Amino acid sequence: MIHDLRTAFGKPDLPFVIASTGMAARGGVEQPPYSGYSDVERAQLWAAGIPHPDKVSSFDTRPFWRDPAQAVSTMGHHWNHSGESYFLVGKALGDDMVNLLTP
């Protein structure tokens, strides 16, 4: 996808920041080798042996999980609609993009 978008827009150095899906966060955060992570999460975190492209950053969203008692709902997905979780994901995306754009 990264290669295709860079090609389509004619921007070979177009920066990308990837937030992992974090959908299995209920069990807490595991450290490398991320044995409890899905194949998609491992690929998003460049932990699956995929070559890491230049100007691409990714981060694990699992640490942003909040217990249902601290959130709006107890549905178990979408971080229980926790505004704090959404804010932290957005802030991490923005911070990583600033780092990619700063020489």
N, C-alpha and C. Protein backbone atom coordinates (compact mmCIF):
# COMPACT_ATOMS: atom_id res chain seq x y z
N MET A 1 0.82 -1.18 0.00
CA MET A 1 0.00 0.00 0.00
C MET A 1 0.88 1.25 0.00
N ILE A 2 1.92 1.26 0.83
CA ILE A 2 2.79 2.42 0.91
C ILE A 2 3.42 2.70 -0.45
N HIS A 3 3.96 1.67 -1.05
CA HIS A 3 4.58 1.81 -2.38
C HIS A 3 3.55 2.31 -3.40
N ASP A 4 2.36 1.73 -3.39
CA ASP A 4 1.33 2.11 -4.35
C ASP A 4 0.91 3.57 -4.19
N LEU A 5 0.73 4.03 -2.96
CA LEU A 5 0.33 5.42 -2.74
C LEU A 5 1.45 6.39 -3.11
N ARG A 6 2.67 6.04 -2.77
CA ARG A 6 3.79 6.90 -3.13
C ARG A 6 3.89 7.02 -4.66
N THR A 7 3.68 5.91 -5.35
CA THR A 7 3.72 5.92 -6.81
C THR A 7 2.56 6.73 -7.38
N ALA A 8 1.37 6.50 -6.88
CA ALA A 8 0.18 7.20 -7.39
C ALA A 8 0.28 8.71 -7.24
N PHE A 9 0.88 9.17 -6.15
CA PHE A 9 1.01 10.60 -5.90
C PHE A 9 2.34 11.17 -6.39
N GLY A 10 3.20 10.32 -6.94
CA GLY A 10 4.49 10.78 -7.42
C GLY A 10 5.38 11.32 -6.32
N LYS A 11 5.25 10.76 -5.13
CA LYS A 11 6.01 11.20 -3.95
C LYS A 11 6.75 10.01 -3.36
N PRO A 12 7.94 9.70 -3.85
CA PRO A 12 8.65 8.50 -3.39
C PRO A 12 9.07 8.55 -1.92
N ASP A 13 9.10 9.74 -1.31
CA ASP A 13 9.47 9.87 0.11
C ASP A 13 8.29 10.24 1.00
N LEU A 14 7.07 10.06 0.50
CA LEU A 14 5.88 10.41 1.27
C LEU A 14 5.91 9.68 2.61
N PRO A 15 5.86 10.42 3.74
CA PRO A 15 5.94 9.75 5.04
C PRO A 15 4.61 9.10 5.43
N PHE A 16 4.72 8.03 6.20
CA PHE A 16 3.56 7.30 6.70
C PHE A 16 3.75 7.00 8.18
N VAL A 17 2.67 7.12 8.93
CA VAL A 17 2.67 6.68 10.33
C VAL A 17 1.54 5.67 10.46
N ILE A 18 1.86 4.53 11.05
CA ILE A 18 0.90 3.43 11.18
C ILE A 18 0.64 3.16 12.65
N ALA A 19 -0.62 3.16 13.02
CA ALA A 19 -1.03 2.77 14.37
C ALA A 19 -1.52 1.33 14.27
N SER A 20 -1.01 0.45 15.12
CA SER A 20 -1.46 -0.94 15.06
C SER A 20 -2.94 -1.01 15.41
N THR A 21 -3.57 -2.08 15.02
CA THR A 21 -5.01 -2.21 15.25
C THR A 21 -5.36 -2.19 16.73
N GLY A 22 -4.52 -2.78 17.56
CA GLY A 22 -4.76 -2.77 19.00
C GLY A 22 -6.03 -3.45 19.44
N MET A 23 -6.66 -4.19 18.55
CA MET A 23 -7.96 -4.76 18.87
C MET A 23 -7.91 -5.89 19.89
N ALA A 24 -6.77 -6.46 20.12
CA ALA A 24 -6.66 -7.54 21.10
C ALA A 24 -6.09 -7.03 22.41
N ALA A 25 -6.28 -5.77 22.66
CA ALA A 25 -5.64 -5.13 23.81
C ALA A 25 -6.14 -5.62 25.16
N ARG A 26 -7.28 -6.24 25.21
CA ARG A 26 -7.87 -6.60 26.49
C ARG A 26 -6.93 -7.38 27.41
N GLY A 27 -6.03 -8.12 26.82
CA GLY A 27 -5.13 -8.92 27.64
C GLY A 27 -3.92 -8.17 28.15
N GLY A 28 -3.79 -6.91 27.81
CA GLY A 28 -2.64 -6.15 28.23
C GLY A 28 -1.59 -6.09 27.14
N VAL A 29 -0.44 -5.61 27.49
CA VAL A 29 0.62 -5.39 26.52
C VAL A 29 1.68 -6.46 26.66
N GLU A 30 2.01 -7.09 25.55
CA GLU A 30 3.08 -8.07 25.54
C GLU A 30 4.32 -7.42 24.96
N GLN A 31 5.45 -7.86 25.36
CA GLN A 31 6.70 -7.36 24.84
C GLN A 31 7.16 -8.26 23.70
N PRO A 32 8.12 -7.79 22.88
CA PRO A 32 8.62 -8.64 21.80
C PRO A 32 8.94 -10.03 22.33
N PRO A 33 8.69 -11.08 21.58
CA PRO A 33 8.39 -11.13 20.15
C PRO A 33 6.92 -11.02 19.81
N TYR A 34 6.09 -10.45 20.64
CA TYR A 34 4.68 -10.22 20.34
C TYR A 34 3.95 -11.52 20.01
N SER A 35 4.17 -12.54 20.80
CA SER A 35 3.60 -13.85 20.52
C SER A 35 2.08 -13.85 20.53
N GLY A 36 1.43 -12.97 21.27
CA GLY A 36 -0.03 -12.93 21.29
C GLY A 36 -0.64 -12.00 20.27
N TYR A 37 0.15 -11.44 19.39
CA TYR A 37 -0.34 -10.50 18.40
C TYR A 37 -0.77 -11.22 17.13
N SER A 38 -1.74 -10.65 16.43
CA SER A 38 -2.16 -11.22 15.15
C SER A 38 -1.09 -10.96 14.10
N ASP A 39 -1.20 -11.67 12.97
CA ASP A 39 -0.26 -11.45 11.87
C ASP A 39 -0.32 -10.00 11.39
N VAL A 40 -1.52 -9.44 11.36
CA VAL A 40 -1.68 -8.06 10.91
C VAL A 40 -0.95 -7.11 11.87
N GLU A 41 -1.15 -7.29 13.18
CA GLU A 41 -0.46 -6.43 14.16
C GLU A 41 1.06 -6.56 14.04
N ARG A 42 1.53 -7.77 13.89
CA ARG A 42 2.98 -7.98 13.77
C ARG A 42 3.51 -7.29 12.52
N ALA A 43 2.78 -7.35 11.43
CA ALA A 43 3.21 -6.66 10.20
C ALA A 43 3.19 -5.15 10.40
N GLN A 44 2.16 -4.64 11.08
CA GLN A 44 2.08 -3.21 11.32
C GLN A 44 3.25 -2.70 12.17
N LEU A 45 3.76 -3.55 13.01
CA LEU A 45 4.86 -3.16 13.91
C LEU A 45 6.22 -3.56 13.36
N TRP A 46 6.26 -4.04 12.12
CA TRP A 46 7.50 -4.47 11.47
C TRP A 46 8.19 -5.56 12.27
N ALA A 47 7.39 -6.40 12.91
CA ALA A 47 7.94 -7.50 13.71
C ALA A 47 7.76 -8.83 13.00
N ALA A 48 7.34 -8.78 11.75
CA ALA A 48 7.06 -10.02 11.02
C ALA A 48 8.08 -10.31 9.94
N GLY A 49 9.24 -9.67 10.03
CA GLY A 49 10.29 -9.93 9.06
C GLY A 49 10.11 -9.20 7.74
N ILE A 50 9.19 -8.25 7.68
CA ILE A 50 8.95 -7.46 6.48
C ILE A 50 9.96 -6.32 6.46
N PRO A 51 10.59 -6.06 5.33
CA PRO A 51 11.55 -4.95 5.27
C PRO A 51 10.87 -3.62 5.63
N HIS A 52 11.51 -2.84 6.44
CA HIS A 52 10.96 -1.58 6.91
C HIS A 52 11.30 -0.47 5.92
N PRO A 53 10.29 0.15 5.28
CA PRO A 53 10.57 1.22 4.31
C PRO A 53 11.07 2.49 5.00
N ASP A 54 11.78 3.32 4.25
CA ASP A 54 12.20 4.62 4.76
C ASP A 54 10.99 5.52 4.95
N LYS A 55 11.11 6.44 5.87
CA LYS A 55 10.07 7.44 6.15
C LYS A 55 8.75 6.81 6.57
N VAL A 56 8.82 5.69 7.29
CA VAL A 56 7.63 5.03 7.82
C VAL A 56 7.86 4.78 9.29
N SER A 57 6.87 5.13 10.09
CA SER A 57 6.93 4.89 11.52
C SER A 57 5.67 4.12 11.92
N SER A 58 5.79 3.29 12.93
CA SER A 58 4.61 2.60 13.44
C SER A 58 4.73 2.47 14.95
N PHE A 59 3.59 2.31 15.60
CA PHE A 59 3.60 2.15 17.04
C PHE A 59 2.47 1.23 17.47
N ASP A 60 2.65 0.68 18.64
CA ASP A 60 1.70 -0.26 19.22
C ASP A 60 0.64 0.52 20.00
N THR A 61 -0.62 0.32 19.66
CA THR A 61 -1.70 1.03 20.37
C THR A 61 -2.18 0.30 21.62
N ARG A 62 -1.72 -0.92 21.85
CA ARG A 62 -2.19 -1.66 23.02
C ARG A 62 -2.00 -0.93 24.35
N PRO A 63 -0.91 -0.18 24.52
CA PRO A 63 -0.77 0.53 25.80
C PRO A 63 -1.85 1.58 26.05
N PHE A 64 -2.63 1.93 25.02
CA PHE A 64 -3.67 2.95 25.18
C PHE A 64 -5.00 2.36 25.65
N TRP A 65 -5.05 1.05 25.83
CA TRP A 65 -6.25 0.37 26.32
C TRP A 65 -6.58 0.87 27.72
N ARG A 66 -7.83 1.17 27.97
CA ARG A 66 -8.28 1.55 29.30
C ARG A 66 -9.34 0.55 29.76
N ASP A 67 -9.29 0.23 31.01
CA ASP A 67 -10.25 -0.69 31.60
C ASP A 67 -11.67 -0.15 31.38
N PRO A 68 -12.66 -1.03 31.19
CA PRO A 68 -14.03 -0.55 30.98
C PRO A 68 -14.53 0.38 32.09
N ALA A 69 -14.06 0.20 33.30
CA ALA A 69 -14.49 1.07 34.39
C ALA A 69 -14.02 2.52 34.19
N GLN A 70 -13.00 2.72 33.37
CA GLN A 70 -12.47 4.05 33.10
C GLN A 70 -12.99 4.62 31.78
N ALA A 71 -13.86 3.88 31.10
CA ALA A 71 -14.28 4.27 29.76
C ALA A 71 -15.79 4.51 29.71
N VAL A 72 -16.26 4.85 28.52
CA VAL A 72 -17.67 5.17 28.31
C VAL A 72 -18.53 3.92 28.24
N SER A 73 -17.98 2.85 27.68
CA SER A 73 -18.77 1.63 27.51
C SER A 73 -17.95 0.41 27.92
N THR A 74 -18.61 -0.71 27.94
CA THR A 74 -17.95 -1.97 28.28
C THR A 74 -17.99 -2.94 27.10
N MET A 75 -18.11 -2.40 25.88
CA MET A 75 -18.29 -3.26 24.72
C MET A 75 -17.05 -4.08 24.38
N GLY A 76 -15.87 -3.70 24.88
CA GLY A 76 -14.69 -4.51 24.67
C GLY A 76 -13.92 -4.24 23.40
N HIS A 77 -14.49 -3.49 22.48
CA HIS A 77 -13.73 -3.13 21.28
C HIS A 77 -13.75 -1.61 21.13
N HIS A 78 -12.95 -1.11 20.22
CA HIS A 78 -12.77 0.34 20.06
C HIS A 78 -12.39 0.99 21.37
N TRP A 79 -11.56 0.30 22.11
CA TRP A 79 -11.04 0.79 23.39
C TRP A 79 -12.17 1.26 24.30
N ASN A 80 -13.29 0.55 24.25
CA ASN A 80 -14.47 0.87 25.08
C ASN A 80 -14.93 2.32 24.90
N HIS A 81 -14.70 2.86 23.71
CA HIS A 81 -15.05 4.25 23.39
C HIS A 81 -14.42 5.24 24.37
N SER A 82 -13.24 4.94 24.80
CA SER A 82 -12.52 5.80 25.73
C SER A 82 -11.95 7.00 25.00
N GLY A 83 -12.40 8.20 25.36
CA GLY A 83 -11.86 9.41 24.77
C GLY A 83 -10.36 9.54 25.01
N GLU A 84 -9.91 9.10 26.17
CA GLU A 84 -8.48 9.15 26.48
C GLU A 84 -7.70 8.27 25.51
N SER A 85 -8.20 7.08 25.24
CA SER A 85 -7.52 6.18 24.31
C SER A 85 -7.45 6.80 22.92
N TYR A 86 -8.57 7.34 22.44
CA TYR A 86 -8.57 7.97 21.12
C TYR A 86 -7.59 9.14 21.07
N PHE A 87 -7.58 9.94 22.10
CA PHE A 87 -6.64 11.07 22.16
C PHE A 87 -5.19 10.58 22.09
N LEU A 88 -4.87 9.55 22.87
CA LEU A 88 -3.50 9.05 22.91
C LEU A 88 -3.05 8.49 21.56
N VAL A 89 -3.96 7.80 20.86
CA VAL A 89 -3.63 7.29 19.53
C VAL A 89 -3.36 8.46 18.59
N GLY A 90 -4.24 9.45 18.58
CA GLY A 90 -4.07 10.61 17.71
C GLY A 90 -2.80 11.38 18.02
N LYS A 91 -2.51 11.56 19.30
CA LYS A 91 -1.29 12.28 19.69
C LYS A 91 -0.05 11.52 19.24
N ALA A 92 -0.06 10.21 19.41
CA ALA A 92 1.09 9.40 18.98
C ALA A 92 1.27 9.48 17.46
N LEU A 93 0.16 9.45 16.71
CA LEU A 93 0.25 9.59 15.25
C LEU A 93 0.88 10.93 14.88
N GLY A 94 0.39 12.00 15.52
CA GLY A 94 0.92 13.33 15.23
C GLY A 94 2.38 13.48 15.62
N ASP A 95 2.73 12.99 16.80
CA ASP A 95 4.13 13.08 17.26
C ASP A 95 5.07 12.33 16.32
N ASP A 96 4.66 11.14 15.90
CA ASP A 96 5.50 10.37 14.99
C ASP A 96 5.65 11.07 13.64
N MET A 97 4.57 11.69 13.14
CA MET A 97 4.65 12.39 11.86
C MET A 97 5.59 13.59 11.99
N VAL A 98 5.51 14.33 13.09
CA VAL A 98 6.43 15.46 13.30
C VAL A 98 7.86 14.96 13.28
N ASN A 99 8.12 13.83 13.92
CA ASN A 99 9.48 13.27 13.91
C ASN A 99 9.93 12.90 12.50
N LEU A 100 9.02 12.37 11.68
CA LEU A 100 9.39 12.02 10.31
C LEU A 100 9.66 13.25 9.46
N LEU A 101 8.95 14.35 9.75
CA LEU A 101 9.09 15.57 8.95
C LEU A 101 10.20 16.50 9.43
N THR A 102 10.73 16.23 10.60
CA THR A 102 11.78 17.07 11.15
C THR A 102 13.13 16.55 10.70
N PRO A 103 13.90 17.40 10.00
CA PRO A 103 15.22 16.92 9.52
C PRO A 103 16.20 16.66 10.64
